[in-house]
Amino acid sequence: MAELLTKYMGLELKNPVVVAASALSSKVDNIVRAEEAGAGALVIRSLFEEQIRHEIGQLDEALSQGAESYAEALSYFPSISHGEAKEHLFWVERSRSATQMPLIGSLNAVSQGNWVKYAKQLADTGVDGLELNYYSVEADMQRSGADVEKAMLDIVASVRQEVSLPIAVKISPFYTSVGHIIKQLEDIGVNGVVMFNRFLQPEIDPEREEVLHEMTYSTSAEMRVPLRWVGLLYGRTKLDMASNTGIMEARDVVKCLLAGACVAQVASTLFQNGIGHVASLVRGVEEWMVAHNYGNISEFRGKLSQAKFEGDPVMYERAQYLDFLMSRQRWVKS
């Protein structure tokens, strides 16, 4: 038997399969089923600032800011009801009382005051940690990238100052320097980072001349970006890293661990295969470990990271690009 214990955000998890924040956790029954299937932990569906603003009488302002740009928020509108933020907190408390596995509360906000206020209230529900999901479409051409980063870091710092629970930050892959952002988050004192947030992108129907908002599941090919960054940063940051997006099968979870992730967050595969698929993922990781003679995760975590790469470390960053170019040259007929 292989030992699947791992640590994430300083929390002890029985295995590295974590259910990501999604509509799956909208029902307590689903959270219980995830625990029964063997999930190491679960991130509860986000509390969105749009809910908070509605509660304080600002629904019109919230709706005007394109709330549906968040994949998790899509199903909230237009059926949002008064007091939903308070109901969310009550529901999180119910989820906590119904389960024993680590639960991580999630907050998706923009205003600094709302982040701090509701982060504290989420912490009081009994969750084991918080995931701060920061995302804002920056279309203001007068606002610099440095200003955008500072706003995010200020919010995280304000929450860290007020909340003692372990904190992870779910970040975008679109920062100019992902590594620098993670270093600054480390300096603030957060405990983990989730790579990366996956956002809904608009589609256009040319026949009807309409902008469409469609929910699409991730695919295994999408995990290459987080996989690369986890591999690049393993051994260079003290933050526990969670790989997110495109993790469909047990072999994908193994890839994340080989790159250096502490956990793999899954959602799309559970929508497609059912919550019980968690058990298949956990079993598949254990079977792989036994087949490769690993007794525990620490024996191979980060084995294929840049830190463990045998050869020029720069090649780890550019190898795929160079291989692709060389392959293309071989395909071209003379």
C-alpha atoms as a PDB file:
ATOM      1  CA  MET A   1       0.000   0.000   0.000  1.00  0.00           C
ATOM      2  CA  ALA A   2       1.219   3.462  -0.872  1.00  0.00           C
ATOM      3  CA  GLU A   3       0.787   6.415   1.500  1.00  0.00           C
ATOM      4  CA  LEU A   4      -1.069   9.321  -0.122  1.00  0.00           C
ATOM      5  CA  LEU A   5      -0.859  11.830   2.739  1.00  0.00           C
ATOM      6  CA  THR A   6       0.058  15.356   1.702  1.00  0.00           C
ATOM      7  CA  LYS A   7       0.084  18.872   3.115  1.00  0.00           C
ATOM      8  CA  TYR A   8      -1.556  21.887   1.536  1.00  0.00           C
ATOM      9  CA  MET A   9      -1.732  25.352   3.094  1.00  0.00           C
ATOM     10  CA  GLY A  10      -0.295  23.654   6.163  1.00  0.00           C
ATOM     11  CA  LEU A  11      -3.360  21.403   6.361  1.00  0.00           C
ATOM     12  CA  GLU A  12      -3.013  17.623   6.616  1.00  0.00           C
ATOM     13  CA  LEU A  13      -4.837  15.948   3.707  1.00  0.00           C
ATOM     14  CA  LYS A  14      -5.287  12.206   3.331  1.00  0.00           C
ATOM     15  CA  ASN A  15      -4.621  12.476  -0.403  1.00  0.00           C
ATOM     16  CA  PRO A  16      -3.860  15.171  -3.027  1.00  0.00           C
ATOM     17  CA  VAL A  17      -7.235  15.103  -4.842  1.00  0.00           C
ATOM     18  CA  VAL A  18      -9.102  18.305  -3.967  1.00  0.00           C
ATOM     19  CA  VAL A  19     -12.525  19.225  -5.316  1.00  0.00           C
ATOM     20  CA  ALA A  20     -12.214  22.730  -6.769  1.00  0.00           C
ATOM     21  CA  ALA A  21     -14.686  25.547  -6.165  1.00  0.00           C
ATOM     22  CA  SER A  22     -17.628  24.975  -8.493  1.00  0.00           C
ATOM     23  CA  ALA A  23     -21.388  24.513  -8.667  1.00  0.00           C
ATOM     24  CA  LEU A  24     -20.865  20.935  -7.465  1.00  0.00           C
ATOM     25  CA  SER A  25     -20.617  22.204  -3.916  1.00  0.00           C
ATOM     26  CA  SER A  26     -23.892  24.135  -4.123  1.00  0.00           C
ATOM     27  CA  LYS A  27     -25.549  21.282  -2.215  1.00  0.00           C
ATOM     28  CA  VAL A  28     -24.461  19.836   1.090  1.00  0.00           C
ATOM     29  CA  ASP A  29     -25.322  16.362  -0.230  1.00  0.00           C
ATOM     30  CA  ASN A  30     -22.727  16.752  -2.994  1.00  0.00           C
ATOM     31  CA  ILE A  31     -20.077  17.762  -0.483  1.00  0.00           C
ATOM     32  CA  VAL A  32     -20.885  14.688   1.618  1.00  0.00           C
ATOM     33  CA  ARG A  33     -20.690  12.493  -1.503  1.00  0.00           C
ATOM     34  CA  ALA A  34     -17.264  13.958  -2.341  1.00  0.00           C
ATOM     35  CA  GLU A  35     -16.068  13.092   1.148  1.00  0.00           C
ATOM     36  CA  GLU A  36     -17.463   9.572   0.849  1.00  0.00           C
ATOM     37  CA  ALA A  37     -15.681   9.181  -2.487  1.00  0.00           C
ATOM     38  CA  GLY A  38     -12.411   9.970  -0.740  1.00  0.00           C
ATOM     39  CA  ALA A  39     -11.625  13.600  -1.581  1.00  0.00           C
ATOM     40  CA  GLY A  40      -8.649  14.972   0.304  1.00  0.00           C
ATOM     41  CA  ALA A  41     -10.379  18.342   0.705  1.00  0.00           C
ATOM     42  CA  LEU A  42     -13.006  20.507  -0.957  1.00  0.00           C
ATOM     43  CA  VAL A  43     -13.092  24.191  -1.865  1.00  0.00           C
ATOM     44  CA  ILE A  44     -16.621  25.462  -1.349  1.00  0.00           C
ATOM     45  CA  ARG A  45     -18.211  27.437  -4.161  1.00  0.00           C
ATOM     46  CA  SER A  46     -17.224  31.093  -4.008  1.00  0.00           C
ATOM     47  CA  LEU A  47     -19.077  33.841  -2.255  1.00  0.00           C
ATOM     48  CA  PHE A  48     -19.161  36.562  -4.921  1.00  0.00           C
ATOM     49  CA  GLU A  49     -19.099  40.289  -4.388  1.00  0.00           C
ATOM     50  CA  GLU A  50     -22.215  40.485  -6.549  1.00  0.00           C
ATOM     51  CA  GLN A  51     -24.064  38.648  -3.777  1.00  0.00           C
ATOM     52  CA  ILE A  52     -22.599  40.953  -1.150  1.00  0.00           C
ATOM     53  CA  ARG A  53     -23.575  44.062  -3.073  1.00  0.00           C
ATOM     54  CA  HIS A  54     -27.100  42.795  -3.569  1.00  0.00           C
ATOM     55  CA  GLU A  55     -27.369  42.263   0.138  1.00  0.00           C
ATOM     56  CA  ILE A  56     -26.500  45.891   0.793  1.00  0.00           C
ATOM     57  CA  GLY A  57     -28.805  47.196  -1.899  1.00  0.00           C
ATOM     58  CA  GLN A  58     -26.374  47.606  -4.810  1.00  0.00           C
ATOM     59  CA  LEU A  59     -27.614  44.985  -7.284  1.00  0.00           C
ATOM     60  CA  ASP A  60     -27.776  47.413 -10.205  1.00  0.00           C
ATOM     61  CA  GLU A  61     -24.128  48.356  -9.751  1.00  0.00           C
ATOM     62  CA  ALA A  62     -23.093  44.711  -9.511  1.00  0.00           C
ATOM     63  CA  LEU A  63     -24.929  43.701 -12.651  1.00  0.00           C
ATOM     64  CA  SER A  64     -23.495  46.598 -14.613  1.00  0.00           C
ATOM     65  CA  GLN A  65     -19.966  45.340 -13.969  1.00  0.00           C
ATOM     66  CA  GLY A  66     -20.338  42.101 -15.916  1.00  0.00           C
ATOM     67  CA  ALA A  67     -20.674  39.656 -13.068  1.00  0.00           C
ATOM     68  CA  GLU A  68     -21.073  36.732 -15.444  1.00  0.00           C
ATOM     69  CA  SER A  69     -17.429  36.969 -16.456  1.00  0.00           C
ATOM     70  CA  TYR A  70     -16.771  34.489 -13.649  1.00  0.00           C
ATOM     71  CA  ALA A  71     -17.304  30.852 -14.557  1.00  0.00           C
ATOM     72  CA  GLU A  72     -18.559  30.009 -11.083  1.00  0.00           C
ATOM     73  CA  ALA A  73     -20.961  32.968 -10.994  1.00  0.00           C
ATOM     74  CA  LEU A  74     -22.761  32.165 -14.236  1.00  0.00           C
ATOM     75  CA  SER A  75     -25.708  30.364 -12.711  1.00  0.00           C
ATOM     76  CA  TYR A  76     -26.338  32.948  -9.981  1.00  0.00           C
ATOM     77  CA  PHE A  77     -28.114  35.412 -12.266  1.00  0.00           C
ATOM     78  CA  PRO A  78     -30.864  36.459 -12.659  1.00  0.00           C
ATOM     79  CA  SER A  79     -32.264  34.385  -9.778  1.00  0.00           C
ATOM     80  CA  ILE A  80     -30.273  36.102  -7.028  1.00  0.00           C
ATOM     81  CA  SER A  81     -32.338  36.837  -3.930  1.00  0.00           C
ATOM     82  CA  HIS A  82     -32.034  39.289  -1.072  1.00  0.00           C
ATOM     83  CA  GLY A  83     -29.820  38.145   1.755  1.00  0.00           C
ATOM     84  CA  GLU A  84     -28.005  35.542  -0.351  1.00  0.00           C
ATOM     85  CA  ALA A  85     -24.626  36.407   1.145  1.00  0.00           C
ATOM     86  CA  LYS A  86     -25.938  35.618   4.637  1.00  0.00           C
ATOM     87  CA  GLU A  87     -27.536  32.445   3.277  1.00  0.00           C
ATOM     88  CA  HIS A  88     -24.202  31.452   1.772  1.00  0.00           C
ATOM     89  CA  LEU A  89     -22.503  31.770   5.149  1.00  0.00           C
ATOM     90  CA  PHE A  90     -25.259  29.728   6.815  1.00  0.00           C
ATOM     91  CA  TRP A  91     -24.949  27.050   4.138  1.00  0.00           C
ATOM     92  CA  VAL A  92     -21.159  26.876   4.651  1.00  0.00           C
ATOM     93  CA  GLU A  93     -21.766  26.311   8.348  1.00  0.00           C
ATOM     94  CA  ARG A  94     -24.154  23.458   7.489  1.00  0.00           C
ATOM     95  CA  SER A  95     -21.545  21.947   5.176  1.00  0.00           C
ATOM     96  CA  ARG A  96     -18.954  22.135   7.932  1.00  0.00           C
ATOM     97  CA  SER A  97     -21.185  20.366  10.427  1.00  0.00           C
ATOM     98  CA  ALA A  98     -22.004  17.618   7.900  1.00  0.00           C
ATOM     99  CA  THR A  99     -18.415  16.677   7.013  1.00  0.00           C
ATOM    100  CA  GLN A 100     -15.060  15.891   8.582  1.00  0.00           C
ATOM    101  CA  MET A 101     -12.679  16.477   5.643  1.00  0.00           C
ATOM    102  CA  PRO A 102     -10.892  19.834   5.333  1.00  0.00           C
ATOM    103  CA  LEU A 103     -13.170  22.488   3.820  1.00  0.00           C
ATOM    104  CA  ILE A 104     -11.786  25.644   2.254  1.00  0.00           C
ATOM    105  CA  GLY A 105     -14.011  28.699   1.909  1.00  0.00           C
ATOM    106  CA  SER A 106     -13.719  30.737  -1.285  1.00  0.00           C
ATOM    107  CA  LEU A 107     -14.260  34.449  -1.769  1.00  0.00           C
ATOM    108  CA  ASN A 108     -14.384  36.288  -5.086  1.00  0.00           C
ATOM    109  CA  ALA A 109     -14.545  40.030  -4.558  1.00  0.00           C
ATOM    110  CA  VAL A 110     -13.127  43.292  -5.883  1.00  0.00           C
ATOM    111  CA  SER A 111     -13.612  45.912  -3.156  1.00  0.00           C
ATOM    112  CA  GLN A 112     -11.061  45.814  -0.363  1.00  0.00           C
ATOM    113  CA  GLY A 113     -13.629  46.380   2.391  1.00  0.00           C
ATOM    114  CA  ASN A 114     -15.813  43.513   1.224  1.00  0.00           C
ATOM    115  CA  TRP A 115     -12.854  41.147   1.014  1.00  0.00           C
ATOM    116  CA  VAL A 116     -11.923  41.725   4.643  1.00  0.00           C
ATOM    117  CA  LYS A 117     -15.447  41.773   6.070  1.00  0.00           C
ATOM    118  CA  TYR A 118     -16.605  38.573   4.427  1.00  0.00           C
ATOM    119  CA  ALA A 119     -13.293  36.782   4.743  1.00  0.00           C
ATOM    120  CA  LYS A 120     -13.653  37.174   8.495  1.00  0.00           C
ATOM    121  CA  GLN A 121     -17.245  35.938   8.375  1.00  0.00           C
ATOM    122  CA  LEU A 122     -16.265  32.935   6.243  1.00  0.00           C
ATOM    123  CA  ALA A 123     -13.495  32.150   8.717  1.00  0.00           C
ATOM    124  CA  ASP A 124     -16.086  32.125  11.507  1.00  0.00           C
ATOM    125  CA  THR A 125     -18.111  29.376   9.784  1.00  0.00           C
ATOM    126  CA  GLY A 126     -15.551  26.767  10.818  1.00  0.00           C
ATOM    127  CA  VAL A 127     -13.787  26.250   7.488  1.00  0.00           C
ATOM    128  CA  ASP A 128     -10.172  25.133   7.653  1.00  0.00           C
ATOM    129  CA  GLY A 129      -8.776  27.706   5.220  1.00  0.00           C
ATOM    130  CA  LEU A 130      -9.659  30.394   2.699  1.00  0.00           C
ATOM    131  CA  GLU A 131      -9.088  30.641  -1.042  1.00  0.00           C
ATOM    132  CA  LEU A 132      -9.038  34.224  -2.329  1.00  0.00           C
ATOM    133  CA  ASN A 133     -10.119  34.209  -5.957  1.00  0.00           C
ATOM    134  CA  TYR A 134      -9.065  37.553  -7.417  1.00  0.00           C
ATOM    135  CA  TYR A 135     -10.032  38.391 -10.973  1.00  0.00           C
ATOM    136  CA  SER A 136     -10.863  41.651 -12.665  1.00  0.00           C
ATOM    137  CA  VAL A 137     -10.891  42.393 -16.390  1.00  0.00           C
ATOM    138  CA  GLU A 138      -8.674  45.440 -16.717  1.00  0.00           C
ATOM    139  CA  ALA A 139      -9.924  47.293 -19.768  1.00  0.00           C
ATOM    140  CA  ASP A 140      -8.921  50.745 -18.482  1.00  0.00           C
ATOM    141  CA  MET A 141      -6.116  51.823 -20.815  1.00  0.00           C
ATOM    142  CA  GLN A 142      -4.905  54.358 -18.260  1.00  0.00           C
ATOM    143  CA  ARG A 143      -4.295  51.737 -15.581  1.00  0.00           C
ATOM    144  CA  SER A 144      -0.884  50.093 -15.571  1.00  0.00           C
ATOM    145  CA  GLY A 145      -0.060  46.481 -14.870  1.00  0.00           C
ATOM    146  CA  ALA A 146       1.782  47.579 -11.746  1.00  0.00           C
ATOM    147  CA  ASP A 147      -1.392  49.281 -10.475  1.00  0.00           C
ATOM    148  CA  VAL A 148      -3.405  46.113 -11.116  1.00  0.00           C
ATOM    149  CA  GLU A 149      -0.903  43.971  -9.233  1.00  0.00           C
ATOM    150  CA  LYS A 150      -0.725  46.412  -6.328  1.00  0.00           C
ATOM    151  CA  ALA A 151      -4.502  46.374  -5.946  1.00  0.00           C
ATOM    152  CA  MET A 152      -4.514  42.583  -5.704  1.00  0.00           C
ATOM    153  CA  LEU A 153      -1.600  42.465  -3.286  1.00  0.00           C
ATOM    154  CA  ASP A 154      -3.126  45.168  -1.063  1.00  0.00           C
ATOM    155  CA  ILE A 155      -6.351  43.173  -0.810  1.00  0.00           C
ATOM    156  CA  VAL A 156      -4.535  39.967   0.049  1.00  0.00           C
ATOM    157  CA  ALA A 157      -2.434  41.781   2.642  1.00  0.00           C
ATOM    158  CA  SER A 158      -5.541  43.285   4.262  1.00  0.00           C
ATOM    159  CA  VAL A 159      -7.163  39.853   4.558  1.00  0.00           C
ATOM    160  CA  ARG A 160      -3.961  38.282   5.870  1.00  0.00           C
ATOM    161  CA  GLN A 161      -3.826  40.925   8.578  1.00  0.00           C
ATOM    162  CA  GLU A 162      -7.340  40.173   9.786  1.00  0.00           C
ATOM    163  CA  VAL A 163      -7.646  36.396   9.324  1.00  0.00           C
ATOM    164  CA  SER A 164      -5.522  33.780  11.064  1.00  0.00           C
ATOM    165  CA  LEU A 165      -6.661  30.822   8.934  1.00  0.00           C
ATOM    166  CA  PRO A 166      -4.420  29.433   6.188  1.00  0.00           C
ATOM    167  CA  ILE A 167      -4.896  31.418   2.979  1.00  0.00           C
ATOM    168  CA  ALA A 168      -4.359  30.451  -0.648  1.00  0.00           C
ATOM    169  CA  VAL A 169      -4.655  32.860  -3.561  1.00  0.00           C
ATOM    170  CA  LYS A 170      -6.056  31.713  -6.887  1.00  0.00           C
ATOM    171  CA  ILE A 171      -4.257  33.764  -9.515  1.00  0.00           C
ATOM    172  CA  SER A 172      -4.493  34.491 -13.211  1.00  0.00           C
ATOM    173  CA  PRO A 173      -1.910  33.089 -15.660  1.00  0.00           C
ATOM    174  CA  PHE A 174      -1.802  36.446 -17.436  1.00  0.00           C
ATOM    175  CA  TYR A 175       0.576  38.384 -15.197  1.00  0.00           C
ATOM    176  CA  THR A 176       3.746  39.469 -16.956  1.00  0.00           C
ATOM    177  CA  SER A 177       5.837  37.839 -14.227  1.00  0.00           C
ATOM    178  CA  VAL A 178       3.956  35.039 -12.482  1.00  0.00           C
ATOM    179  CA  GLY A 179       6.995  34.174 -10.384  1.00  0.00           C
ATOM    180  CA  HIS A 180       7.325  37.737  -9.082  1.00  0.00           C
ATOM    181  CA  ILE A 181       3.653  37.810  -8.078  1.00  0.00           C
ATOM    182  CA  ILE A 182       4.059  34.556  -6.175  1.00  0.00           C
ATOM    183  CA  LYS A 183       7.170  35.896  -4.415  1.00  0.00           C
ATOM    184  CA  GLN A 184       5.206  38.940  -3.255  1.00  0.00           C
ATOM    185  CA  LEU A 185       2.345  36.747  -2.042  1.00  0.00           C
ATOM    186  CA  GLU A 186       4.906  34.733  -0.111  1.00  0.00           C
ATOM    187  CA  ASP A 187       6.247  37.926   1.484  1.00  0.00           C
ATOM    188  CA  ILE A 188       2.716  38.892   2.550  1.00  0.00           C
ATOM    189  CA  GLY A 189       2.443  35.616   4.429  1.00  0.00           C
ATOM    190  CA  VAL A 190      -0.112  33.578   2.504  1.00  0.00           C
ATOM    191  CA  ASN A 191       0.197  29.814   2.630  1.00  0.00           C
ATOM    192  CA  GLY A 192      -0.636  28.598  -0.854  1.00  0.00           C
ATOM    193  CA  VAL A 193      -1.217  29.537  -4.467  1.00  0.00           C
ATOM    194  CA  VAL A 194      -3.655  28.008  -6.962  1.00  0.00           C
ATOM    195  CA  MET A 195      -2.493  27.955 -10.583  1.00  0.00           C
ATOM    196  CA  PHE A 196      -4.553  28.993 -12.370  1.00  0.00           C
ATOM    197  CA  ASN A 197      -7.945  30.607 -12.519  1.00  0.00           C
ATOM    198  CA  ARG A 198      -9.934  29.574 -15.582  1.00  0.00           C
ATOM    199  CA  PHE A 199     -12.220  32.264 -16.962  1.00  0.00           C
ATOM    200  CA  LEU A 200     -15.144  32.196 -19.306  1.00  0.00           C
ATOM    201  CA  GLN A 201     -14.326  33.957 -22.545  1.00  0.00           C
ATOM    202  CA  PRO A 202     -17.006  35.497 -24.770  1.00  0.00           C
ATOM    203  CA  GLU A 203     -17.961  33.839 -28.034  1.00  0.00           C
ATOM    204  CA  ILE A 204     -19.652  35.509 -31.013  1.00  0.00           C
ATOM    205  CA  ASP A 205     -22.441  34.074 -33.125  1.00  0.00           C
ATOM    206  CA  PRO A 206     -21.964  35.719 -36.553  1.00  0.00           C
ATOM    207  CA  GLU A 207     -25.352  34.541 -37.838  1.00  0.00           C
ATOM    208  CA  ARG A 208     -27.390  36.067 -35.041  1.00  0.00           C
ATOM    209  CA  GLU A 209     -24.769  38.783 -34.417  1.00  0.00           C
ATOM    210  CA  GLU A 210     -24.816  38.094 -30.704  1.00  0.00           C
ATOM    211  CA  VAL A 211     -22.237  37.735 -27.963  1.00  0.00           C
ATOM    212  CA  LEU A 212     -22.545  34.327 -26.324  1.00  0.00           C
ATOM    213  CA  HIS A 213     -21.636  33.211 -22.837  1.00  0.00           C
ATOM    214  CA  GLU A 214     -21.134  29.466 -22.911  1.00  0.00           C
ATOM    215  CA  MET A 215     -19.855  27.205 -20.179  1.00  0.00           C
ATOM    216  CA  THR A 216     -17.282  24.762 -21.528  1.00  0.00           C
ATOM    217  CA  TYR A 217     -15.457  22.074 -19.601  1.00  0.00           C
ATOM    218  CA  SER A 218     -11.686  22.127 -19.434  1.00  0.00           C
ATOM    219  CA  THR A 219      -9.595  19.499 -21.217  1.00  0.00           C
ATOM    220  CA  SER A 220      -6.341  17.777 -20.346  1.00  0.00           C
ATOM    221  CA  ALA A 221      -4.485  19.954 -22.838  1.00  0.00           C
ATOM    222  CA  GLU A 222      -5.264  22.995 -20.676  1.00  0.00           C
ATOM    223  CA  MET A 223      -3.233  21.694 -17.770  1.00  0.00           C
ATOM    224  CA  ARG A 224       0.045  22.369 -19.558  1.00  0.00           C
ATOM    225  CA  VAL A 225       0.255  26.010 -18.476  1.00  0.00           C
ATOM    226  CA  PRO A 226      -0.187  25.341 -14.735  1.00  0.00           C
ATOM    227  CA  LEU A 227       1.966  22.229 -15.055  1.00  0.00           C
ATOM    228  CA  ARG A 228       4.811  24.274 -16.481  1.00  0.00           C
ATOM    229  CA  TRP A 229       4.633  26.990 -13.841  1.00  0.00           C
ATOM    230  CA  VAL A 230       4.425  24.510 -10.993  1.00  0.00           C
ATOM    231  CA  GLY A 231       7.495  22.797 -12.425  1.00  0.00           C
ATOM    232  CA  LEU A 232       9.349  26.088 -12.764  1.00  0.00           C
ATOM    233  CA  LEU A 233       8.587  27.302  -9.248  1.00  0.00           C
ATOM    234  CA  TYR A 234       8.977  24.092  -7.254  1.00  0.00           C
ATOM    235  CA  GLY A 235      11.841  24.532  -4.803  1.00  0.00           C
ATOM    236  CA  ARG A 236      11.875  28.300  -5.376  1.00  0.00           C
ATOM    237  CA  THR A 237       8.830  29.256  -3.326  1.00  0.00           C
ATOM    238  CA  LYS A 238       7.726  28.333   0.153  1.00  0.00           C
ATOM    239  CA  LEU A 239       4.086  28.449  -0.883  1.00  0.00           C
ATOM    240  CA  ASP A 240       2.202  25.193  -1.274  1.00  0.00           C
ATOM    241  CA  MET A 241       1.126  24.964  -4.903  1.00  0.00           C
ATOM    242  CA  ALA A 242      -2.187  23.645  -6.168  1.00  0.00           C
ATOM    243  CA  SER A 243      -2.511  22.798  -9.839  1.00  0.00           C
ATOM    244  CA  ASN A 244      -5.906  23.630 -11.319  1.00  0.00           C
ATOM    245  CA  THR A 245      -7.550  23.256 -14.754  1.00  0.00           C
ATOM    246  CA  GLY A 246      -7.596  20.302 -17.148  1.00  0.00           C
ATOM    247  CA  ILE A 247      -7.032  17.577 -14.561  1.00  0.00           C
ATOM    248  CA  MET A 248      -9.267  14.782 -15.812  1.00  0.00           C
ATOM    249  CA  GLU A 249      -7.691  11.426 -14.923  1.00  0.00           C
ATOM    250  CA  ALA A 250      -5.405   9.916 -12.297  1.00  0.00           C
ATOM    251  CA  ARG A 251      -2.430  10.259 -14.653  1.00  0.00           C
ATOM    252  CA  ASP A 252      -3.059  14.022 -14.709  1.00  0.00           C
ATOM    253  CA  VAL A 253      -2.933  14.147 -10.910  1.00  0.00           C
ATOM    254  CA  VAL A 254       0.366  12.259 -11.044  1.00  0.00           C
ATOM    255  CA  LYS A 255       1.744  14.782 -13.543  1.00  0.00           C
ATOM    256  CA  CYS A 256       0.925  17.610 -11.153  1.00  0.00           C
ATOM    257  CA  LEU A 257       2.735  15.861  -8.305  1.00  0.00           C
ATOM    258  CA  LEU A 258       5.779  15.095 -10.462  1.00  0.00           C
ATOM    259  CA  ALA A 259       5.969  18.789 -11.366  1.00  0.00           C
ATOM    260  CA  GLY A 260       5.855  19.748  -7.690  1.00  0.00           C
ATOM    261  CA  ALA A 261       2.239  20.475  -6.770  1.00  0.00           C
ATOM    262  CA  CYS A 262       0.975  19.563  -3.322  1.00  0.00           C
ATOM    263  CA  VAL A 263      -2.544  18.942  -4.590  1.00  0.00           C
ATOM    264  CA  ALA A 264      -4.560  18.789  -7.801  1.00  0.00           C
ATOM    265  CA  GLN A 265      -7.905  20.590  -7.905  1.00  0.00           C
ATOM    266  CA  VAL A 266     -10.607  18.965 -10.040  1.00  0.00           C
ATOM    267  CA  ALA A 267     -14.042  20.067 -11.222  1.00  0.00           C
ATOM    268  CA  SER A 268     -14.783  19.528 -14.936  1.00  0.00           C
ATOM    269  CA  THR A 269     -14.034  15.813 -14.747  1.00  0.00           C
ATOM    270  CA  LEU A 270     -16.552  15.449 -11.914  1.00  0.00           C
ATOM    271  CA  PHE A 271     -19.242  17.204 -13.941  1.00  0.00           C
ATOM    272  CA  GLN A 272     -18.586  14.770 -16.761  1.00  0.00           C
ATOM    273  CA  ASN A 273     -18.001  11.568 -14.784  1.00  0.00           C
ATOM    274  CA  GLY A 274     -19.854  12.175 -11.547  1.00  0.00           C
ATOM    275  CA  ILE A 275     -18.646  12.978  -8.042  1.00  0.00           C
ATOM    276  CA  GLY A 276     -17.828   9.316  -7.517  1.00  0.00           C
ATOM    277  CA  HIS A 277     -14.986   9.756 -10.008  1.00  0.00           C
ATOM    278  CA  VAL A 278     -12.978  11.136  -7.091  1.00  0.00           C
ATOM    279  CA  ALA A 279     -12.523   7.547  -5.928  1.00  0.00           C
ATOM    280  CA  SER A 280     -11.118   6.564  -9.340  1.00  0.00           C
ATOM    281  CA  LEU A 281      -8.640   9.431  -9.225  1.00  0.00           C
ATOM    282  CA  VAL A 282      -7.412   8.524  -5.748  1.00  0.00           C
ATOM    283  CA  ARG A 283      -7.212   4.825  -6.580  1.00  0.00           C
ATOM    284  CA  GLY A 284      -5.391   5.547  -9.835  1.00  0.00           C
ATOM    285  CA  VAL A 285      -2.719   7.626  -8.090  1.00  0.00           C
ATOM    286  CA  GLU A 286      -2.159   4.881  -5.530  1.00  0.00           C
ATOM    287  CA  GLU A 287      -1.923   2.225  -8.228  1.00  0.00           C
ATOM    288  CA  TRP A 288       0.638   4.312 -10.127  1.00  0.00           C
ATOM    289  CA  MET A 289       2.704   4.753  -6.968  1.00  0.00           C
ATOM    290  CA  VAL A 290       2.688   1.018  -6.258  1.00  0.00           C
ATOM    291  CA  ALA A 291       3.617   0.228  -9.870  1.00  0.00           C
ATOM    292  CA  HIS A 292       6.562   2.643  -9.653  1.00  0.00           C
ATOM    293  CA  ASN A 293       7.652   1.481  -6.176  1.00  0.00           C
ATOM    294  CA  TYR A 294       6.905   4.727  -4.364  1.00  0.00           C
ATOM    295  CA  GLY A 295       5.892   4.447  -0.727  1.00  0.00           C
ATOM    296  CA  ASN A 296       4.777   8.044  -0.298  1.00  0.00           C
ATOM    297  CA  ILE A 297       4.305  11.230  -2.321  1.00  0.00           C
ATOM    298  CA  SER A 298       7.406  12.972  -0.978  1.00  0.00           C
ATOM    299  CA  GLU A 299       9.545  10.375  -2.767  1.00  0.00           C
ATOM    300  CA  PHE A 300       8.570  11.706  -6.193  1.00  0.00           C
ATOM    301  CA  ARG A 301       6.947  15.118  -5.748  1.00  0.00           C
ATOM    302  CA  GLY A 302       8.865  17.649  -7.829  1.00  0.00           C
ATOM    303  CA  LYS A 303      10.940  14.925  -9.491  1.00  0.00           C
ATOM    304  CA  LEU A 304      10.305  16.450 -12.915  1.00  0.00           C
ATOM    305  CA  SER A 305      10.528  20.098 -11.840  1.00  0.00           C
ATOM    306  CA  GLN A 306      13.128  22.513 -13.124  1.00  0.00           C
ATOM    307  CA  ALA A 307      14.944  22.194  -9.791  1.00  0.00           C
ATOM    308  CA  LYS A 308      15.495  18.486 -10.471  1.00  0.00           C
ATOM    309  CA  PHE A 309      16.014  18.827 -14.218  1.00  0.00           C
ATOM    310  CA  GLU A 310      19.238  17.150 -15.328  1.00  0.00           C
ATOM    311  CA  GLY A 311      20.846  19.556 -17.739  1.00  0.00           C
ATOM    312  CA  ASP A 312      20.692  23.254 -18.535  1.00  0.00           C
ATOM    313  CA  PRO A 313      17.768  24.654 -16.456  1.00  0.00           C
ATOM    314  CA  VAL A 314      17.030  27.222 -19.146  1.00  0.00           C
ATOM    315  CA  MET A 315      16.178  24.341 -21.450  1.00  0.00           C
ATOM    316  CA  TYR A 316      13.342  23.392 -19.085  1.00  0.00           C
ATOM    317  CA  GLU A 317      11.723  26.732 -19.885  1.00  0.00           C
ATOM    318  CA  ARG A 318      12.248  26.575 -23.625  1.00  0.00           C
ATOM    319  CA  ALA A 319      12.514  22.870 -24.423  1.00  0.00           C
ATOM    320  CA  GLN A 320       8.942  22.415 -25.649  1.00  0.00           C
ATOM    321  CA  TYR A 321       9.206  25.503 -27.824  1.00  0.00           C
ATOM    322  CA  LEU A 322      12.488  24.403 -29.359  1.00  0.00           C
ATOM    323  CA  ASP A 323      11.293  20.833 -29.848  1.00  0.00           C
ATOM    324  CA  PHE A 324       8.230  22.116 -31.630  1.00  0.00           C
ATOM    325  CA  LEU A 325      10.255  24.331 -33.954  1.00  0.00           C
ATOM    326  CA  MET A 326      12.695  21.541 -34.782  1.00  0.00           C
ATOM    327  CA  SER A 327       9.828  19.158 -35.437  1.00  0.00           C
ATOM    328  CA  ARG A 328       8.221  21.657 -37.752  1.00  0.00           C
ATOM    329  CA  GLN A 329      11.454  21.943 -39.697  1.00  0.00           C
ATOM    330  CA  ARG A 330      11.535  18.177 -40.149  1.00  0.00           C
ATOM    331  CA  TRP A 331       7.967  18.201 -41.439  1.00  0.00           C
ATOM    332  CA  VAL A 332       8.684  20.766 -44.157  1.00  0.00           C
ATOM    333  CA  LYS A 333       9.505  19.123 -47.455  1.00  0.00           C
ATOM    334  CA  SER A 334      12.555  20.420 -49.280  1.00  0.00           C
END
